[in-house]
Amino acid sequence: MTQKNSEPAKLISLLELFEGKKFKIPDYQRGYSWDEEQIIDLLTDIEMHNNKSGHKHFTGTIVVERPKGGDVFQIVDGQQRLVSCVMILRAIVELNPGNLKGIDSILTKTKNGFESTLTLNKQDSLFFKESILNENVKPINAPLLMSDSGMDSRR
């Protein structure tokens, strides 16, 4: 099927992809499903290409649509890679906050944590906002501490 308003495919960087755009993963898309193995494969591939002078990592095709010409791009294909890249960038910034400079088209520091120009579907949105973007929330693998009242005291 050919769309009237489709743009030609072009090779751009992750920063160029996000520059001045907002992305949303539609609710019809499956939830985020990558596990440690896929993320390590992505990181290894990026590192391998980064070590070769002049080489750029090709993360794959990202397919988006703009329903009714709106200002939000819906991700049709590539959500696992994009979400993983945002998670990796967030981890890098946590290790060295100085790295936030230059990726502000993807992550923006707020008083409560971070905001991203990527919004996940209903299934994953709360987890993404609380556990990935908000620096005040304990990591998922933090031990569950029960108070005398039996309430979760992680927060």
C-alpha atoms as a PDB file:
ATOM      1  CA  MET A   1       0.000   0.000   0.000  1.00  0.00           C
ATOM      2  CA  THR A   2       1.391   3.405  -0.947  1.00  0.00           C
ATOM      3  CA  GLN A   3       0.510   6.495   1.010  1.00  0.00           C
ATOM      4  CA  LYS A   4       0.143   9.866  -0.648  1.00  0.00           C
ATOM      5  CA  ASN A   5       2.158  11.759   1.960  1.00  0.00           C
ATOM      6  CA  SER A   6       4.954   9.280   2.577  1.00  0.00           C
ATOM      7  CA  GLU A   7       8.489  10.624   2.818  1.00  0.00           C
ATOM      8  CA  PRO A   8      11.459   8.863   1.244  1.00  0.00           C
ATOM      9  CA  ALA A   9      13.606   6.755   3.553  1.00  0.00           C
ATOM     10  CA  LYS A  10      16.882   8.311   4.649  1.00  0.00           C
ATOM     11  CA  LEU A  11      19.755   7.394   6.935  1.00  0.00           C
ATOM     12  CA  ILE A  12      19.848   9.649  10.006  1.00  0.00           C
ATOM     13  CA  SER A  13      21.279   9.555  13.514  1.00  0.00           C
ATOM     14  CA  LEU A  14      19.222   8.851  16.622  1.00  0.00           C
ATOM     15  CA  LEU A  15      19.519  12.516  17.616  1.00  0.00           C
ATOM     16  CA  GLU A  16      18.327  13.618  14.177  1.00  0.00           C
ATOM     17  CA  LEU A  17      15.419  11.186  14.415  1.00  0.00           C
ATOM     18  CA  PHE A  18      14.201  12.731  17.680  1.00  0.00           C
ATOM     19  CA  GLU A  19      15.062  16.365  16.894  1.00  0.00           C
ATOM     20  CA  GLY A  20      11.887  18.464  17.165  1.00  0.00           C
ATOM     21  CA  LYS A  21       9.601  15.429  17.127  1.00  0.00           C
ATOM     22  CA  LYS A  22       7.436  13.563  19.587  1.00  0.00           C
ATOM     23  CA  PHE A  23       6.911   9.825  19.294  1.00  0.00           C
ATOM     24  CA  LYS A  24       4.180   7.622  20.671  1.00  0.00           C
ATOM     25  CA  ILE A  25       3.831   3.892  20.665  1.00  0.00           C
ATOM     26  CA  PRO A  26       0.191   3.200  19.819  1.00  0.00           C
ATOM     27  CA  ASP A  27      -1.834   1.006  22.131  1.00  0.00           C
ATOM     28  CA  TYR A  28      -2.271  -1.603  19.393  1.00  0.00           C
ATOM     29  CA  GLN A  29       1.476  -2.352  19.530  1.00  0.00           C
ATOM     30  CA  ARG A  30       2.632  -5.185  21.758  1.00  0.00           C
ATOM     31  CA  GLY A  31       4.371  -4.230  24.970  1.00  0.00           C
ATOM     32  CA  TYR A  32       8.086  -3.874  25.433  1.00  0.00           C
ATOM     33  CA  SER A  33       9.545  -7.365  25.414  1.00  0.00           C
ATOM     34  CA  TRP A  34      13.317  -7.193  25.080  1.00  0.00           C
ATOM     35  CA  ASP A  35      15.255  -8.912  27.802  1.00  0.00           C
ATOM     36  CA  GLU A  36      18.878  -8.621  28.884  1.00  0.00           C
ATOM     37  CA  GLU A  37      20.152 -10.701  25.959  1.00  0.00           C
ATOM     38  CA  GLN A  38      18.753  -8.387  23.254  1.00  0.00           C
ATOM     39  CA  ILE A  39      19.969  -5.264  25.068  1.00  0.00           C
ATOM     40  CA  ILE A  40      23.468  -6.706  25.474  1.00  0.00           C
ATOM     41  CA  ASP A  41      23.467  -7.641  21.767  1.00  0.00           C
ATOM     42  CA  LEU A  42      22.541  -4.045  20.893  1.00  0.00           C
ATOM     43  CA  LEU A  43      25.209  -2.592  23.193  1.00  0.00           C
ATOM     44  CA  THR A  44      27.857  -5.005  21.868  1.00  0.00           C
ATOM     45  CA  ASP A  45      26.973  -4.123  18.281  1.00  0.00           C
ATOM     46  CA  ILE A  46      27.128  -0.385  19.001  1.00  0.00           C
ATOM     47  CA  GLU A  47      30.460  -0.748  20.825  1.00  0.00           C
ATOM     48  CA  MET A  48      31.927  -2.866  18.037  1.00  0.00           C
ATOM     49  CA  HIS A  49      30.996  -0.270  15.413  1.00  0.00           C
ATOM     50  CA  ASN A  50      32.084   2.622  17.630  1.00  0.00           C
ATOM     51  CA  ASN A  51      35.569   1.144  17.935  1.00  0.00           C
ATOM     52  CA  LYS A  52      35.978   1.119  14.151  1.00  0.00           C
ATOM     53  CA  SER A  53      37.009   4.540  12.959  1.00  0.00           C
ATOM     54  CA  GLY A  54      34.446   6.122  10.688  1.00  0.00           C
ATOM     55  CA  HIS A  55      31.851   3.385  11.115  1.00  0.00           C
ATOM     56  CA  LYS A  56      28.305   4.135  12.193  1.00  0.00           C
ATOM     57  CA  HIS A  57      25.931   1.654  13.759  1.00  0.00           C
ATOM     58  CA  PHE A  58      22.796   0.902  11.740  1.00  0.00           C
ATOM     59  CA  THR A  59      20.090   0.231  14.305  1.00  0.00           C
ATOM     60  CA  GLY A  60      17.583  -0.824  11.706  1.00  0.00           C
ATOM     61  CA  THR A  61      14.568   0.680  10.069  1.00  0.00           C
ATOM     62  CA  ILE A  62      12.156   2.783  12.079  1.00  0.00           C
ATOM     63  CA  VAL A  63       8.702   3.037  10.516  1.00  0.00           C
ATOM     64  CA  VAL A  64       6.407   5.826  11.689  1.00  0.00           C
ATOM     65  CA  GLU A  65       3.121   7.368  10.662  1.00  0.00           C
ATOM     66  CA  ARG A  66       1.550  10.739  11.371  1.00  0.00           C
ATOM     67  CA  PRO A  67      -2.166  10.210  11.756  1.00  0.00           C
ATOM     68  CA  LYS A  68      -4.050  13.068  10.145  1.00  0.00           C
ATOM     69  CA  GLY A  69      -0.818  15.059   9.764  1.00  0.00           C
ATOM     70  CA  GLY A  70      -0.572  15.638  13.516  1.00  0.00           C
ATOM     71  CA  ASP A  71       2.576  16.585  15.390  1.00  0.00           C
ATOM     72  CA  VAL A  72       3.056  13.181  17.049  1.00  0.00           C
ATOM     73  CA  PHE A  73       4.663  10.335  15.107  1.00  0.00           C
ATOM     74  CA  GLN A  74       3.302   6.893  15.914  1.00  0.00           C
ATOM     75  CA  ILE A  75       5.868   4.104  15.819  1.00  0.00           C
ATOM     76  CA  VAL A  76       4.771   1.295  13.552  1.00  0.00           C
ATOM     77  CA  ASP A  77       8.046  -0.643  13.607  1.00  0.00           C
ATOM     78  CA  GLY A  78      11.168  -0.220  15.709  1.00  0.00           C
ATOM     79  CA  GLN A  79       9.727   0.358  19.155  1.00  0.00           C
ATOM     80  CA  GLN A  80      11.889  -2.250  20.901  1.00  0.00           C
ATOM     81  CA  ARG A  81      15.080  -0.613  19.596  1.00  0.00           C
ATOM     82  CA  LEU A  82      13.948   2.948  20.300  1.00  0.00           C
ATOM     83  CA  VAL A  83      12.779   2.189  23.837  1.00  0.00           C
ATOM     84  CA  SER A  84      16.029   0.301  24.507  1.00  0.00           C
ATOM     85  CA  CYS A  85      18.083   3.243  23.205  1.00  0.00           C
ATOM     86  CA  VAL A  86      16.212   5.675  25.491  1.00  0.00           C
ATOM     87  CA  MET A  87      16.768   3.297  28.438  1.00  0.00           C
ATOM     88  CA  ILE A  88      20.484   3.056  27.628  1.00  0.00           C
ATOM     89  CA  LEU A  89      20.793   6.841  27.331  1.00  0.00           C
ATOM     90  CA  ARG A  90      19.023   7.258  30.675  1.00  0.00           C
ATOM     91  CA  ALA A  91      21.495   4.826  32.294  1.00  0.00           C
ATOM     92  CA  ILE A  92      24.449   6.695  30.768  1.00  0.00           C
ATOM     93  CA  VAL A  93      23.147   9.994  32.148  1.00  0.00           C
ATOM     94  CA  GLU A  94      22.715   8.413  35.581  1.00  0.00           C
ATOM     95  CA  LEU A  95      26.387   7.417  35.558  1.00  0.00           C
ATOM     96  CA  ASN A  96      27.506  10.843  34.343  1.00  0.00           C
ATOM     97  CA  PRO A  97      24.913  13.660  34.335  1.00  0.00           C
ATOM     98  CA  GLY A  98      27.207  15.694  32.077  1.00  0.00           C
ATOM     99  CA  ASN A  99      26.250  13.347  29.249  1.00  0.00           C
ATOM    100  CA  LEU A 100      22.740  14.856  29.212  1.00  0.00           C
ATOM    101  CA  LYS A 101      24.058  17.753  27.170  1.00  0.00           C
ATOM    102  CA  GLY A 102      23.491  16.977  23.530  1.00  0.00           C
ATOM    103  CA  ILE A 103      20.709  14.431  23.993  1.00  0.00           C
ATOM    104  CA  ASP A 104      18.090  16.914  25.182  1.00  0.00           C
ATOM    105  CA  SER A 105      16.025  16.172  22.079  1.00  0.00           C
ATOM    106  CA  ILE A 106      15.474  12.709  23.620  1.00  0.00           C
ATOM    107  CA  LEU A 107      15.695  13.255  27.405  1.00  0.00           C
ATOM    108  CA  THR A 108      14.977  16.412  29.385  1.00  0.00           C
ATOM    109  CA  LYS A 109      15.810  16.789  33.066  1.00  0.00           C
ATOM    110  CA  THR A 110      12.891  17.850  35.282  1.00  0.00           C
ATOM    111  CA  LYS A 111      12.688  18.440  39.020  1.00  0.00           C
ATOM    112  CA  ASN A 112      11.137  14.974  39.474  1.00  0.00           C
ATOM    113  CA  GLY A 113      13.285  12.990  37.073  1.00  0.00           C
ATOM    114  CA  PHE A 114      13.253  13.033  33.292  1.00  0.00           C
ATOM    115  CA  GLU A 115      10.831  13.481  30.440  1.00  0.00           C
ATOM    116  CA  SER A 116      11.241  11.879  27.057  1.00  0.00           C
ATOM    117  CA  THR A 117       9.928  12.716  23.628  1.00  0.00           C
ATOM    118  CA  LEU A 118       8.991   9.036  23.454  1.00  0.00           C
ATOM    119  CA  THR A 119       5.677   7.994  25.022  1.00  0.00           C
ATOM    120  CA  LEU A 120       4.946   4.318  25.465  1.00  0.00           C
ATOM    121  CA  ASN A 121       1.610   2.581  25.088  1.00  0.00           C
ATOM    122  CA  LYS A 122      -0.790   2.165  28.023  1.00  0.00           C
ATOM    123  CA  GLN A 123       0.644  -1.250  28.854  1.00  0.00           C
ATOM    124  CA  ASP A 124       4.191   0.050  29.468  1.00  0.00           C
ATOM    125  CA  SER A 125       3.770   3.771  30.100  1.00  0.00           C
ATOM    126  CA  LEU A 126       3.588   3.766  33.913  1.00  0.00           C
ATOM    127  CA  PHE A 127       6.594   1.457  34.292  1.00  0.00           C
ATOM    128  CA  PHE A 128       8.614   3.523  31.800  1.00  0.00           C
ATOM    129  CA  LYS A 129       7.788   6.812  33.501  1.00  0.00           C
ATOM    130  CA  GLU A 130       8.372   5.605  37.057  1.00  0.00           C
ATOM    131  CA  SER A 131      11.227   3.155  36.675  1.00  0.00           C
ATOM    132  CA  ILE A 132      13.179   4.513  33.714  1.00  0.00           C
ATOM    133  CA  LEU A 133      12.576   8.254  33.598  1.00  0.00           C
ATOM    134  CA  ASN A 134      12.030   9.157  37.252  1.00  0.00           C
ATOM    135  CA  GLU A 135      15.264   9.246  39.190  1.00  0.00           C
ATOM    136  CA  ASN A 136      13.465   9.203  42.547  1.00  0.00           C
ATOM    137  CA  VAL A 137      12.113   5.671  42.166  1.00  0.00           C
ATOM    138  CA  LYS A 138      14.167   2.719  43.438  1.00  0.00           C
ATOM    139  CA  PRO A 139      15.418   0.221  40.821  1.00  0.00           C
ATOM    140  CA  ILE A 140      13.163  -2.716  39.993  1.00  0.00           C
ATOM    141  CA  ASN A 141      15.557  -5.219  41.534  1.00  0.00           C
ATOM    142  CA  ALA A 142      15.752  -3.289  44.832  1.00  0.00           C
ATOM    143  CA  PRO A 143      14.959  -5.556  47.774  1.00  0.00           C
ATOM    144  CA  LEU A 144      11.435  -5.317  49.038  1.00  0.00           C
ATOM    145  CA  LEU A 145      11.504  -4.032  52.594  1.00  0.00           C
ATOM    146  CA  MET A 146       8.459  -4.619  54.698  1.00  0.00           C
ATOM    147  CA  SER A 147       7.735  -2.314  57.598  1.00  0.00           C
ATOM    148  CA  ASP A 148       6.095  -3.467  60.788  1.00  0.00           C
ATOM    149  CA  SER A 149       2.756  -2.555  59.230  1.00  0.00           C
ATOM    150  CA  GLY A 150       3.440  -4.937  56.328  1.00  0.00           C
ATOM    151  CA  MET A 151       3.583  -2.096  53.793  1.00  0.00           C
ATOM    152  CA  ASP A 152       6.166  -1.906  51.028  1.00  0.00           C
ATOM    153  CA  SER A 153       8.730   0.674  52.153  1.00  0.00           C
ATOM    154  CA  ARG A 154      10.742   1.077  48.927  1.00  0.00           C
ATOM    155  CA  ARG A 155       9.413   4.633  48.479  1.00  0.00           C
END
